[in-house]
Amino acid sequence: MGTSATISMNINGVAKAMYCNFDGYPSHTGITLKQSYTDDESIKELIAGGSCSRLDKDINEIERYNHGNTGLYMSYKSLEEMYKKRPETSYYYHWDGNCWNLVTENGRFTSPL
């Protein structure tokens, strides 16, 4: 069993998200997001690519579960809804437009990464 992560950002007022099955802990996925996905466009592209096995710093090296079909992200009305509908996820990362944040169970941000 892997350490999973849900990665999200708000697009047009909706939390759009993707699932990452392995290495979701902050010392891998958190660092990779903070170092390699640092602007709205790269994050939209990352999320639009759909769920993955493991996050990579090179978006072209990410093994996707959707076999090349893009736009397979998940949509949630709020971070609270995302947390409730994905209870199996170990870590939740959300781009707030300026930086990455870990999300707590009540849908609130912890300190930025």
PDB file of N, CA and C in Angstrom:
ATOM      1  N   MET A   1       0.842  -1.179   0.000  1.00  0.00           N
ATOM      2  CA  MET A   1       0.000   0.000   0.000  1.00  0.00           C
ATOM      3  C   MET A   1       0.885   1.240   0.000  1.00  0.00           C
ATOM      4  N   GLY A   2       0.525   2.224  -0.807  1.00  0.00           N
ATOM      5  CA  GLY A   2       1.323   3.427  -0.936  1.00  0.00           C
ATOM      6  C   GLY A   2       0.880   4.523   0.003  1.00  0.00           C
ATOM      7  N   THR A   3       1.702   5.550   0.079  1.00  0.00           N
ATOM      8  CA  THR A   3       1.355   6.764   0.813  1.00  0.00           C
ATOM      9  C   THR A   3       0.786   7.728  -0.207  1.00  0.00           C
ATOM     10  N   SER A   4      -0.528   7.867  -0.226  1.00  0.00           N
ATOM     11  CA  SER A   4      -1.208   8.606  -1.284  1.00  0.00           C
ATOM     12  C   SER A   4      -1.302  10.093  -0.993  1.00  0.00           C
ATOM     13  N   ALA A   5      -1.595  10.839  -2.071  1.00  0.00           N
ATOM     14  CA  ALA A   5      -1.783  12.286  -1.964  1.00  0.00           C
ATOM     15  C   ALA A   5      -2.863  12.730  -2.936  1.00  0.00           C
ATOM     16  N   THR A   6      -3.578  13.750  -2.557  1.00  0.00           N
ATOM     17  CA  THR A   6      -4.489  14.441  -3.457  1.00  0.00           C
ATOM     18  C   THR A   6      -3.903  15.835  -3.646  1.00  0.00           C
ATOM     19  N   ILE A   7      -3.789  16.245  -4.903  1.00  0.00           N
ATOM     20  CA  ILE A   7      -3.166  17.519  -5.272  1.00  0.00           C
ATOM     21  C   ILE A   7      -4.235  18.368  -5.931  1.00  0.00           C
ATOM     22  N   SER A   8      -4.431  19.598  -5.458  1.00  0.00           N
ATOM     23  CA  SER A   8      -5.537  20.401  -5.979  1.00  0.00           C
ATOM     24  C   SER A   8      -5.191  21.875  -6.111  1.00  0.00           C
ATOM     25  N   MET A   9      -6.046  22.567  -6.851  1.00  0.00           N
ATOM     26  CA  MET A   9      -6.034  24.018  -6.952  1.00  0.00           C
ATOM     27  C   MET A   9      -7.439  24.464  -7.325  1.00  0.00           C
ATOM     28  N   ASN A  10      -7.777  25.703  -7.062  1.00  0.00           N
ATOM     29  CA  ASN A  10      -9.075  26.237  -7.461  1.00  0.00           C
ATOM     30  C   ASN A  10      -9.003  26.723  -8.903  1.00  0.00           C
ATOM     31  N   ILE A  11      -9.966  26.275  -9.702  1.00  0.00           N
ATOM     32  CA  ILE A  11     -10.105  26.717 -11.084  1.00  0.00           C
ATOM     33  C   ILE A  11     -11.558  27.120 -11.266  1.00  0.00           C
ATOM     34  N   ASN A  12     -11.792  28.384 -11.548  1.00  0.00           N
ATOM     35  CA  ASN A  12     -13.152  28.904 -11.714  1.00  0.00           C
ATOM     36  C   ASN A  12     -14.027  28.605 -10.497  1.00  0.00           C
ATOM     37  N   GLY A  13     -13.458  28.763  -9.305  1.00  0.00           N
ATOM     38  CA  GLY A  13     -14.214  28.606  -8.068  1.00  0.00           C
ATOM     39  C   GLY A  13     -14.466  27.176  -7.625  1.00  0.00           C
ATOM     40  N   VAL A  14     -13.853  26.215  -8.295  1.00  0.00           N
ATOM     41  CA  VAL A  14     -14.032  24.802  -7.954  1.00  0.00           C
ATOM     42  C   VAL A  14     -12.669  24.193  -7.668  1.00  0.00           C
ATOM     43  N   ALA A  15     -12.588  23.343  -6.641  1.00  0.00           N
ATOM     44  CA  ALA A  15     -11.334  22.648  -6.337  1.00  0.00           C
ATOM     45  C   ALA A  15     -11.172  21.496  -7.321  1.00  0.00           C
ATOM     46  N   LYS A  16     -10.222  21.622  -8.229  1.00  0.00           N
ATOM     47  CA  LYS A  16      -9.887  20.567  -9.191  1.00  0.00           C
ATOM     48  C   LYS A  16      -8.719  19.798  -8.603  1.00  0.00           C
ATOM     49  N   ALA A  17      -8.754  18.468  -8.702  1.00  0.00           N
ATOM     50  CA  ALA A  17      -7.747  17.665  -8.025  1.00  0.00           C
ATOM     51  C   ALA A  17      -7.347  16.442  -8.834  1.00  0.00           C
ATOM     52  N   MET A  18      -6.184  15.921  -8.490  1.00  0.00           N
ATOM     53  CA  MET A  18      -5.694  14.655  -9.034  1.00  0.00           C
ATOM     54  C   MET A  18      -5.224  13.803  -7.868  1.00  0.00           C
ATOM     55  N   TYR A  19      -5.164  12.520  -8.086  1.00  0.00           N
ATOM     56  CA  TYR A  19      -4.732  11.561  -7.072  1.00  0.00           C
ATOM     57  C   TYR A  19      -3.350  11.048  -7.425  1.00  0.00           C
ATOM     58  N   CYS A  20      -2.515  10.891  -6.425  1.00  0.00           N
ATOM     59  CA  CYS A  20      -1.173  10.328  -6.588  1.00  0.00           C
ATOM     60  C   CYS A  20      -1.061   9.150  -5.619  1.00  0.00           C
ATOM     61  N   ASN A  21      -0.766   7.958  -6.132  1.00  0.00           N
ATOM     62  CA  ASN A  21      -0.845   6.742  -5.330  1.00  0.00           C
ATOM     63  C   ASN A  21       0.352   6.500  -4.406  1.00  0.00           C
ATOM     64  N   PHE A  22       1.551   6.815  -4.844  1.00  0.00           N
ATOM     65  CA  PHE A  22       2.740   6.484  -4.057  1.00  0.00           C
ATOM     66  C   PHE A  22       3.566   7.723  -3.694  1.00  0.00           C
ATOM     67  N   ASP A  23       4.299   7.623  -2.606  1.00  0.00           N
ATOM     68  CA  ASP A  23       5.255   8.655  -2.174  1.00  0.00           C
ATOM     69  C   ASP A  23       4.615  10.023  -1.960  1.00  0.00           C
ATOM     70  N   GLY A  24       3.418  10.050  -1.397  1.00  0.00           N
ATOM     71  CA  GLY A  24       2.693  11.292  -1.188  1.00  0.00           C
ATOM     72  C   GLY A  24       3.159  12.132  -0.020  1.00  0.00           C
ATOM     73  N   TYR A  25       4.105  11.647   0.743  1.00  0.00           N
ATOM     74  CA  TYR A  25       4.564  12.351   1.936  1.00  0.00           C
ATOM     75  C   TYR A  25       5.287  13.661   1.563  1.00  0.00           C
ATOM     76  N   PRO A  26       5.332  14.605   2.503  1.00  0.00           N
ATOM     77  CA  PRO A  26       5.934  15.918   2.214  1.00  0.00           C
ATOM     78  C   PRO A  26       7.385  15.869   1.757  1.00  0.00           C
ATOM     79  N   SER A  27       8.166  14.900   2.226  1.00  0.00           N
ATOM     80  CA  SER A  27       9.572  14.864   1.830  1.00  0.00           C
ATOM     81  C   SER A  27       9.777  14.389   0.390  1.00  0.00           C
ATOM     82  N   HIS A  28       8.726  13.920  -0.271  1.00  0.00           N
ATOM     83  CA  HIS A  28       8.827  13.631  -1.706  1.00  0.00           C
ATOM     84  C   HIS A  28       7.850  14.513  -2.495  1.00  0.00           C
ATOM     85  N   THR A  29       6.562  14.236  -2.379  1.00  0.00           N
ATOM     86  CA  THR A  29       5.575  14.980  -3.169  1.00  0.00           C
ATOM     87  C   THR A  29       5.569  16.458  -2.799  1.00  0.00           C
ATOM     88  N   GLY A  30       5.624  16.756  -1.503  1.00  0.00           N
ATOM     89  CA  GLY A  30       5.645  18.159  -1.081  1.00  0.00           C
ATOM     90  C   GLY A  30       6.823  18.923  -1.662  1.00  0.00           C
ATOM     91  N   ILE A  31       7.997  18.335  -1.577  1.00  0.00           N
ATOM     92  CA  ILE A  31       9.200  18.986  -2.125  1.00  0.00           C
ATOM     93  C   ILE A  31       9.114  19.092  -3.650  1.00  0.00           C
ATOM     94  N   THR A  32       8.643  18.030  -4.303  1.00  0.00           N
ATOM     95  CA  THR A  32       8.531  18.061  -5.765  1.00  0.00           C
ATOM     96  C   THR A  32       7.574  19.152  -6.213  1.00  0.00           C
ATOM     97  N   LEU A  33       6.440  19.284  -5.553  1.00  0.00           N
ATOM     98  CA  LEU A  33       5.494  20.350  -5.891  1.00  0.00           C
ATOM     99  C   LEU A  33       6.133  21.717  -5.679  1.00  0.00           C
ATOM    100  N   LYS A  34       6.764  21.902  -4.541  1.00  0.00           N
ATOM    101  CA  LYS A  34       7.354  23.198  -4.190  1.00  0.00           C
ATOM    102  C   LYS A  34       8.483  23.605  -5.135  1.00  0.00           C
ATOM    103  N   GLN A  35       9.258  22.623  -5.624  1.00  0.00           N
ATOM    104  CA  GLN A  35      10.394  22.936  -6.482  1.00  0.00           C
ATOM    105  C   GLN A  35      10.052  22.962  -7.970  1.00  0.00           C
ATOM    106  N   SER A  36       9.096  22.154  -8.410  1.00  0.00           N
ATOM    107  CA  SER A  36       8.873  21.984  -9.853  1.00  0.00           C
ATOM    108  C   SER A  36       7.545  22.506 -10.373  1.00  0.00           C
ATOM    109  N   TYR A  37       6.576  22.718  -9.517  1.00  0.00           N
ATOM    110  CA  TYR A  37       5.248  23.172  -9.948  1.00  0.00           C
ATOM    111  C   TYR A  37       4.920  24.429  -9.160  1.00  0.00           C
ATOM    112  N   THR A  38       5.324  25.573  -9.738  1.00  0.00           N
ATOM    113  CA  THR A  38       5.324  26.819  -8.971  1.00  0.00           C
ATOM    114  C   THR A  38       4.517  27.947  -9.598  1.00  0.00           C
ATOM    115  N   ASP A  39       3.717  27.624 -10.608  1.00  0.00           N
ATOM    116  CA  ASP A  39       2.874  28.654 -11.219  1.00  0.00           C
ATOM    117  C   ASP A  39       1.565  28.019 -11.665  1.00  0.00           C
ATOM    118  N   ASP A  40       0.553  28.843 -11.838  1.00  0.00           N
ATOM    119  CA  ASP A  40      -0.782  28.346 -12.161  1.00  0.00           C
ATOM    120  C   ASP A  40      -0.803  27.441 -13.393  1.00  0.00           C
ATOM    121  N   GLU A  41      -0.103  27.824 -14.437  1.00  0.00           N
ATOM    122  CA  GLU A  41      -0.164  27.052 -15.693  1.00  0.00           C
ATOM    123  C   GLU A  41       0.445  25.660 -15.543  1.00  0.00           C
ATOM    124  N   SER A  42       1.593  25.538 -14.897  1.00  0.00           N
ATOM    125  CA  SER A  42       2.199  24.212 -14.737  1.00  0.00           C
ATOM    126  C   SER A  42       1.348  23.329 -13.826  1.00  0.00           C
ATOM    127  N   ILE A  43       0.696  23.929 -12.845  1.00  0.00           N
ATOM    128  CA  ILE A  43      -0.145  23.159 -11.931  1.00  0.00           C
ATOM    129  C   ILE A  43      -1.438  22.732 -12.617  1.00  0.00           C
ATOM    130  N   LYS A  44      -2.032  23.608 -13.424  1.00  0.00           N
ATOM    131  CA  LYS A  44      -3.214  23.217 -14.211  1.00  0.00           C
ATOM    132  C   LYS A  44      -2.882  22.048 -15.128  1.00  0.00           C
ATOM    133  N   GLU A  45      -1.723  22.108 -15.777  1.00  0.00           N
ATOM    134  CA  GLU A  45      -1.300  21.022 -16.666  1.00  0.00           C
ATOM    135  C   GLU A  45      -1.092  19.732 -15.876  1.00  0.00           C
ATOM    136  N   LEU A  46      -0.471  19.828 -14.719  1.00  0.00           N
ATOM    137  CA  LEU A  46      -0.255  18.660 -13.866  1.00  0.00           C
ATOM    138  C   LEU A  46      -1.587  18.012 -13.492  1.00  0.00           C
ATOM    139  N   ILE A  47      -2.513  18.792 -12.992  1.00  0.00           N
ATOM    140  CA  ILE A  47      -3.798  18.275 -12.532  1.00  0.00           C
ATOM    141  C   ILE A  47      -4.647  17.762 -13.695  1.00  0.00           C
ATOM    142  N   ALA A  48      -4.632  18.479 -14.804  1.00  0.00           N
ATOM    143  CA  ALA A  48      -5.422  18.055 -15.978  1.00  0.00           C
ATOM    144  C   ALA A  48      -4.959  16.721 -16.537  1.00  0.00           C
ATOM    145  N   GLY A  49      -3.709  16.346 -16.256  1.00  0.00           N
ATOM    146  CA  GLY A  49      -3.194  15.069 -16.735  1.00  0.00           C
ATOM    147  C   GLY A  49      -3.816  13.867 -16.051  1.00  0.00           C
ATOM    148  N   GLY A  50      -4.473  14.085 -14.938  1.00  0.00           N
ATOM    149  CA  GLY A  50      -5.145  13.005 -14.231  1.00  0.00           C
ATOM    150  C   GLY A  50      -4.259  12.301 -13.217  1.00  0.00           C
ATOM    151  N   SER A  51      -4.810  11.280 -12.606  1.00  0.00           N
ATOM    152  CA  SER A  51      -4.150  10.544 -11.533  1.00  0.00           C
ATOM    153  C   SER A  51      -2.855   9.897 -11.992  1.00  0.00           C
ATOM    154  N   CYS A  52      -1.964   9.704 -11.018  1.00  0.00           N
ATOM    155  CA  CYS A  52      -0.652   9.141 -11.349  1.00  0.00           C
ATOM    156  C   CYS A  52      -0.191   8.141 -10.300  1.00  0.00           C
ATOM    157  N   SER A  53       0.823   7.406 -10.676  1.00  0.00           N
ATOM    158  CA  SER A  53       1.448   6.459  -9.764  1.00  0.00           C
ATOM    159  C   SER A  53       2.315   7.207  -8.760  1.00  0.00           C
ATOM    160  N   ARG A  54       3.222   8.067  -9.258  1.00  0.00           N
ATOM    161  CA  ARG A  54       4.181   8.795  -8.418  1.00  0.00           C
ATOM    162  C   ARG A  54       4.511  10.106  -9.106  1.00  0.00           C
ATOM    163  N   LEU A  55       4.567  11.182  -8.349  1.00  0.00           N
ATOM    164  CA  LEU A  55       4.888  12.492  -8.900  1.00  0.00           C
ATOM    165  C   LEU A  55       6.365  12.558  -9.278  1.00  0.00           C
ATOM    166  N   ASP A  56       6.648  13.221 -10.379  1.00  0.00           N
ATOM    167  CA  ASP A  56       8.019  13.416 -10.841  1.00  0.00           C
ATOM    168  C   ASP A  56       8.228  14.895 -11.106  1.00  0.00           C
ATOM    169  N   LYS A  57       9.458  15.368 -10.978  1.00  0.00           N
ATOM    170  CA  LYS A  57       9.743  16.781 -11.247  1.00  0.00           C
ATOM    171  C   LYS A  57       9.564  17.118 -12.722  1.00  0.00           C
ATOM    172  N   ASP A  58       9.690  16.118 -13.597  1.00  0.00           N
ATOM    173  CA  ASP A  58       9.467  16.292 -15.030  1.00  0.00           C
ATOM    174  C   ASP A  58       8.069  15.787 -15.366  1.00  0.00           C
ATOM    175  N   ILE A  59       7.175  16.676 -15.741  1.00  0.00           N
ATOM    176  CA  ILE A  59       5.786  16.306 -15.998  1.00  0.00           C
ATOM    177  C   ILE A  59       5.664  15.220 -17.065  1.00  0.00           C
ATOM    178  N   ASN A  60       6.619  15.151 -17.984  1.00  0.00           N
ATOM    179  CA  ASN A  60       6.584  14.143 -19.045  1.00  0.00           C
ATOM    180  C   ASN A  60       7.003  12.763 -18.568  1.00  0.00           C
ATOM    181  N   GLU A  61       7.562  12.675 -17.372  1.00  0.00           N
ATOM    182  CA  GLU A  61       7.996  11.390 -16.818  1.00  0.00           C
ATOM    183  C   GLU A  61       6.989  10.789 -15.841  1.00  0.00           C
ATOM    184  N   ILE A  62       5.880  11.470 -15.622  1.00  0.00           N
ATOM    185  CA  ILE A  62       4.875  10.987 -14.680  1.00  0.00           C
ATOM    186  C   ILE A  62       4.084   9.848 -15.314  1.00  0.00           C
ATOM    187  N   GLU A  63       4.007   8.730 -14.598  1.00  0.00           N
ATOM    188  CA  GLU A  63       3.217   7.590 -15.073  1.00  0.00           C
ATOM    189  C   GLU A  63       1.758   7.823 -14.691  1.00  0.00           C
ATOM    190  N   ARG A  64       0.942   8.060 -15.707  1.00  0.00           N
ATOM    191  CA  ARG A  64      -0.478   8.368 -15.488  1.00  0.00           C
ATOM    192  C   ARG A  64      -1.322   7.097 -15.560  1.00  0.00           C
ATOM    193  N   TYR A  65      -2.428   7.105 -14.841  1.00  0.00           N
ATOM    194  CA  TYR A  65      -3.353   5.980 -14.860  1.00  0.00           C
ATOM    195  C   TYR A  65      -4.394   6.093 -15.959  1.00  0.00           C
ATOM    196  N   ASN A  66      -4.470   7.239 -16.598  1.00  0.00           N
ATOM    197  CA  ASN A  66      -5.513   7.464 -17.595  1.00  0.00           C
ATOM    198  C   ASN A  66      -5.064   7.165 -19.014  1.00  0.00           C
ATOM    199  N   HIS A  67      -3.858   6.659 -19.171  1.00  0.00           N
ATOM    200  CA  HIS A  67      -3.326   6.234 -20.471  1.00  0.00           C
ATOM    201  C   HIS A  67      -3.394   7.327 -21.536  1.00  0.00           C
ATOM    202  N   GLY A  68      -3.028   8.539 -21.151  1.00  0.00           N
ATOM    203  CA  GLY A  68      -2.933   9.630 -22.110  1.00  0.00           C
ATOM    204  C   GLY A  68      -4.179  10.481 -22.270  1.00  0.00           C
ATOM    205  N   ASN A  69      -5.279  10.100 -21.650  1.00  0.00           N
ATOM    206  CA  ASN A  69      -6.484  10.929 -21.724  1.00  0.00           C
ATOM    207  C   ASN A  69      -6.368  12.042 -20.694  1.00  0.00           C
ATOM    208  N   THR A  70      -6.330  13.275 -21.142  1.00  0.00           N
ATOM    209  CA  THR A  70      -6.190  14.382 -20.204  1.00  0.00           C
ATOM    210  C   THR A  70      -7.565  14.907 -19.800  1.00  0.00           C
ATOM    211  N   GLY A  71      -7.572  15.780 -18.820  1.00  0.00           N
ATOM    212  CA  GLY A  71      -8.816  16.375 -18.348  1.00  0.00           C
ATOM    213  C   GLY A  71      -9.612  15.457 -17.446  1.00  0.00           C
ATOM    214  N   LEU A  72      -8.957  14.450 -16.854  1.00  0.00           N
ATOM    215  CA  LEU A  72      -9.659  13.504 -16.006  1.00  0.00           C
ATOM    216  C   LEU A  72      -9.500  13.844 -14.527  1.00  0.00           C
ATOM    217  N   TYR A  73      -9.421  15.121 -14.218  1.00  0.00           N
ATOM    218  CA  TYR A  73      -9.291  15.540 -12.836  1.00  0.00           C
ATOM    219  C   TYR A  73     -10.620  15.392 -12.107  1.00  0.00           C
ATOM    220  N   MET A  74     -10.553  15.435 -10.798  1.00  0.00           N
ATOM    221  CA  MET A  74     -11.732  15.373  -9.943  1.00  0.00           C
ATOM    222  C   MET A  74     -12.132  16.796  -9.568  1.00  0.00           C
ATOM    223  N   SER A  75     -13.413  17.032  -9.366  1.00  0.00           N
ATOM    224  CA  SER A  75     -13.908  18.358  -9.000  1.00  0.00           C
ATOM    225  C   SER A  75     -14.659  18.301  -7.676  1.00  0.00           C
ATOM    226  N   TYR A  76     -14.413  19.306  -6.835  1.00  0.00           N
ATOM    227  CA  TYR A  76     -15.059  19.406  -5.534  1.00  0.00           C
ATOM    228  C   TYR A  76     -15.497  20.848  -5.308  1.00  0.00           C
ATOM    229  N   LYS A  77     -16.616  21.027  -4.619  1.00  0.00           N
ATOM    230  CA  LYS A  77     -17.117  22.368  -4.321  1.00  0.00           C
ATOM    231  C   LYS A  77     -16.224  23.100  -3.331  1.00  0.00           C
ATOM    232  N   SER A  78     -15.539  22.331  -2.484  1.00  0.00           N
ATOM    233  CA  SER A  78     -14.687  22.933  -1.458  1.00  0.00           C
ATOM    234  C   SER A  78     -13.617  21.945  -1.032  1.00  0.00           C
ATOM    235  N   LEU A  79     -12.636  22.430  -0.291  1.00  0.00           N
ATOM    236  CA  LEU A  79     -11.608  21.554   0.253  1.00  0.00           C
ATOM    237  C   LEU A  79     -12.197  20.611   1.296  1.00  0.00           C
ATOM    238  N   GLU A  80     -13.206  21.082   2.035  1.00  0.00           N
ATOM    239  CA  GLU A  80     -13.866  20.235   3.016  1.00  0.00           C
ATOM    240  C   GLU A  80     -14.524  19.042   2.339  1.00  0.00           C
ATOM    241  N   GLU A  81     -15.192  19.277   1.200  1.00  0.00           N
ATOM    242  CA  GLU A  81     -15.822  18.191   0.454  1.00  0.00           C
ATOM    243  C   GLU A  81     -14.762  17.216  -0.074  1.00  0.00           C
ATOM    244  N   MET A  82     -13.661  17.742  -0.571  1.00  0.00           N
ATOM    245  CA  MET A  82     -12.592  16.894  -1.082  1.00  0.00           C
ATOM    246  C   MET A  82     -12.096  15.965   0.020  1.00  0.00           C
ATOM    247  N   TYR A  83     -11.876  16.508   1.200  1.00  0.00           N
ATOM    248  CA  TYR A  83     -11.383  15.695   2.309  1.00  0.00           C
ATOM    249  C   TYR A  83     -12.392  14.601   2.672  1.00  0.00           C
ATOM    250  N   LYS A  84     -13.673  14.943   2.731  1.00  0.00           N
ATOM    251  CA  LYS A  84     -14.701  13.970   3.106  1.00  0.00           C
ATOM    252  C   LYS A  84     -14.861  12.865   2.062  1.00  0.00           C
ATOM    253  N   LYS A  85     -14.697  13.208   0.794  1.00  0.00           N
ATOM    254  CA  LYS A  85     -14.896  12.220  -0.266  1.00  0.00           C
ATOM    255  C   LYS A  85     -13.649  11.389  -0.566  1.00  0.00           C
ATOM    256  N   ARG A  86     -12.517  11.778  -0.024  1.00  0.00           N
ATOM    257  CA  ARG A  86     -11.267  11.047  -0.261  1.00  0.00           C
ATOM    258  C   ARG A  86     -10.586  10.717   1.078  1.00  0.00           C
ATOM    259  N   PRO A  87     -11.291  10.027   1.982  1.00  0.00           N
ATOM    260  CA  PRO A  87     -10.723   9.777   3.315  1.00  0.00           C
ATOM    261  C   PRO A  87      -9.507   8.855   3.313  1.00  0.00           C
ATOM    262  N   GLU A  88      -9.311   8.110   2.235  1.00  0.00           N
ATOM    263  CA  GLU A  88      -8.180   7.181   2.166  1.00  0.00           C
ATOM    264  C   GLU A  88      -6.866   7.884   1.862  1.00  0.00           C
ATOM    265  N   THR A  89      -6.922   9.145   1.478  1.00  0.00           N
ATOM    266  CA  THR A  89      -5.713   9.886   1.131  1.00  0.00           C
ATOM    267  C   THR A  89      -4.904  10.220   2.373  1.00  0.00           C
ATOM    268  N   SER A  90      -3.589  10.022   2.280  1.00  0.00           N
ATOM    269  CA  SER A  90      -2.700  10.311   3.412  1.00  0.00           C
ATOM    270  C   SER A  90      -2.382  11.796   3.535  1.00  0.00           C
ATOM    271  N   TYR A  91      -2.149  12.471   2.395  1.00  0.00           N
ATOM    272  CA  TYR A  91      -1.781  13.890   2.401  1.00  0.00           C
ATOM    273  C   TYR A  91      -2.593  14.626   1.342  1.00  0.00           C
ATOM    274  N   TYR A  92      -2.958  15.864   1.650  1.00  0.00           N
ATOM    275  CA  TYR A  92      -3.689  16.736   0.731  1.00  0.00           C
ATOM    276  C   TYR A  92      -2.855  17.990   0.514  1.00  0.00           C
ATOM    277  N   TYR A  93      -2.574  18.295  -0.745  1.00  0.00           N
ATOM    278  CA  TYR A  93      -1.812  19.495  -1.094  1.00  0.00           C
ATOM    279  C   TYR A  93      -2.703  20.394  -1.933  1.00  0.00           C
ATOM    280  N   HIS A  94      -2.711  21.681  -1.600  1.00  0.00           N
ATOM    281  CA  HIS A  94      -3.534  22.635  -2.347  1.00  0.00           C
ATOM    282  C   HIS A  94      -2.712  23.867  -2.698  1.00  0.00           C
ATOM    283  N   TRP A  95      -2.747  24.244  -3.975  1.00  0.00           N
ATOM    284  CA  TRP A  95      -2.105  25.464  -4.464  1.00  0.00           C
ATOM    285  C   TRP A  95      -3.079  26.615  -4.248  1.00  0.00           C
ATOM    286  N   ASP A  96      -2.692  27.621  -3.493  1.00  0.00           N
ATOM    287  CA  ASP A  96      -3.598  28.739  -3.198  1.00  0.00           C
ATOM    288  C   ASP A  96      -3.405  29.931  -4.132  1.00  0.00           C
ATOM    289  N   GLY A  97      -2.615  29.750  -5.183  1.00  0.00           N
ATOM    290  CA  GLY A  97      -2.337  30.831  -6.117  1.00  0.00           C
ATOM    291  C   GLY A  97      -0.977  31.462  -5.887  1.00  0.00           C
ATOM    292  N   ASN A  98      -0.415  31.217  -4.703  1.00  0.00           N
ATOM    293  CA  ASN A  98       0.898  31.754  -4.355  1.00  0.00           C
ATOM    294  C   ASN A  98       1.873  30.694  -3.861  1.00  0.00           C
ATOM    295  N   CYS A  99       1.359  29.695  -3.163  1.00  0.00           N
ATOM    296  CA  CYS A  99       2.221  28.650  -2.602  1.00  0.00           C
ATOM    297  C   CYS A  99       1.411  27.386  -2.346  1.00  0.00           C
ATOM    298  N   TRP A 100       2.128  26.294  -2.083  1.00  0.00           N
ATOM    299  CA  TRP A 100       1.517  25.018  -1.740  1.00  0.00           C
ATOM    300  C   TRP A 100       1.239  24.965  -0.247  1.00  0.00           C
ATOM    301  N   ASN A 101       0.110  24.367   0.113  1.00  0.00           N
ATOM    302  CA  ASN A 101      -0.276  24.191   1.506  1.00  0.00           C
ATOM    303  C   ASN A 101      -0.691  22.753   1.744  1.00  0.00           C
ATOM    304  N   LEU A 102      -0.436  22.244   2.935  1.00  0.00           N
ATOM    305  CA  LEU A 102      -1.039  20.991   3.365  1.00  0.00           C
ATOM    306  C   LEU A 102      -2.425  21.334   3.885  1.00  0.00           C
ATOM    307  N   VAL A 103      -3.388  20.469   3.627  1.00  0.00           N
ATOM    308  CA  VAL A 103      -4.767  20.715   4.034  1.00  0.00           C
ATOM    309  C   VAL A 103      -5.102  19.762   5.176  1.00  0.00           C
ATOM    310  N   THR A 104      -5.715  20.279   6.230  1.00  0.00           N
ATOM    311  CA  THR A 104      -6.119  19.450   7.361  1.00  0.00           C
ATOM    312  C   THR A 104      -7.497  18.861   7.105  1.00  0.00           C
ATOM    313  N   GLU A 105      -7.932  17.993   8.000  1.00  0.00           N
ATOM    314  CA  GLU A 105      -9.194  17.289   7.810  1.00  0.00           C
ATOM    315  C   GLU A 105     -10.412  18.214   7.754  1.00  0.00           C
ATOM    316  N   ASN A 106     -10.334  19.384   8.314  1.00  0.00           N
ATOM    317  CA  ASN A 106     -11.475  20.300   8.258  1.00  0.00           C
ATOM    318  C   ASN A 106     -11.401  21.233   7.060  1.00  0.00           C
ATOM    319  N   GLY A 107     -10.472  20.937   6.139  1.00  0.00           N
ATOM    320  CA  GLY A 107     -10.371  21.743   4.928  1.00  0.00           C
ATOM    321  C   GLY A 107      -9.617  23.044   5.114  1.00  0.00           C
ATOM    322  N   ARG A 108      -8.917  23.194   6.204  1.00  0.00           N
ATOM    323  CA  ARG A 108      -8.122  24.403   6.465  1.00  0.00           C
ATOM    324  C   ARG A 108      -6.668  24.131   6.135  1.00  0.00           C
ATOM    325  N   PHE A 109      -5.962  25.185   5.809  1.00  0.00           N
ATOM    326  CA  PHE A 109      -4.545  25.057   5.492  1.00  0.00           C
ATOM    327  C   PHE A 109      -3.721  24.941   6.774  1.00  0.00           C
ATOM    328  N   THR A 110      -2.678  24.139   6.697  1.00  0.00           N
ATOM    329  CA  THR A 110      -1.652  24.194   7.714  1.00  0.00           C
ATOM    330  C   THR A 110      -0.661  25.244   7.204  1.00  0.00           C
ATOM    331  N   SER A 111       0.492  25.308   7.758  1.00  0.00           N
ATOM    332  CA  SER A 111       1.458  26.273   7.258  1.00  0.00           C
ATOM    333  C   SER A 111       1.873  25.911   5.838  1.00  0.00           C
ATOM    334  N   PRO A 112       2.237  26.899   5.051  1.00  0.00           N
ATOM    335  CA  PRO A 112       2.696  26.629   3.684  1.00  0.00           C
ATOM    336  C   PRO A 112       3.917  25.703   3.681  1.00  0.00           C
ATOM    337  N   LEU A 113       4.076  24.977   2.597  1.00  0.00           N
ATOM    338  CA  LEU A 113       5.246  24.091   2.465  1.00  0.00           C
ATOM    339  C   LEU A 113       6.509  24.915   2.343  1.00  0.00           C
TER     340      LEU A 113
END
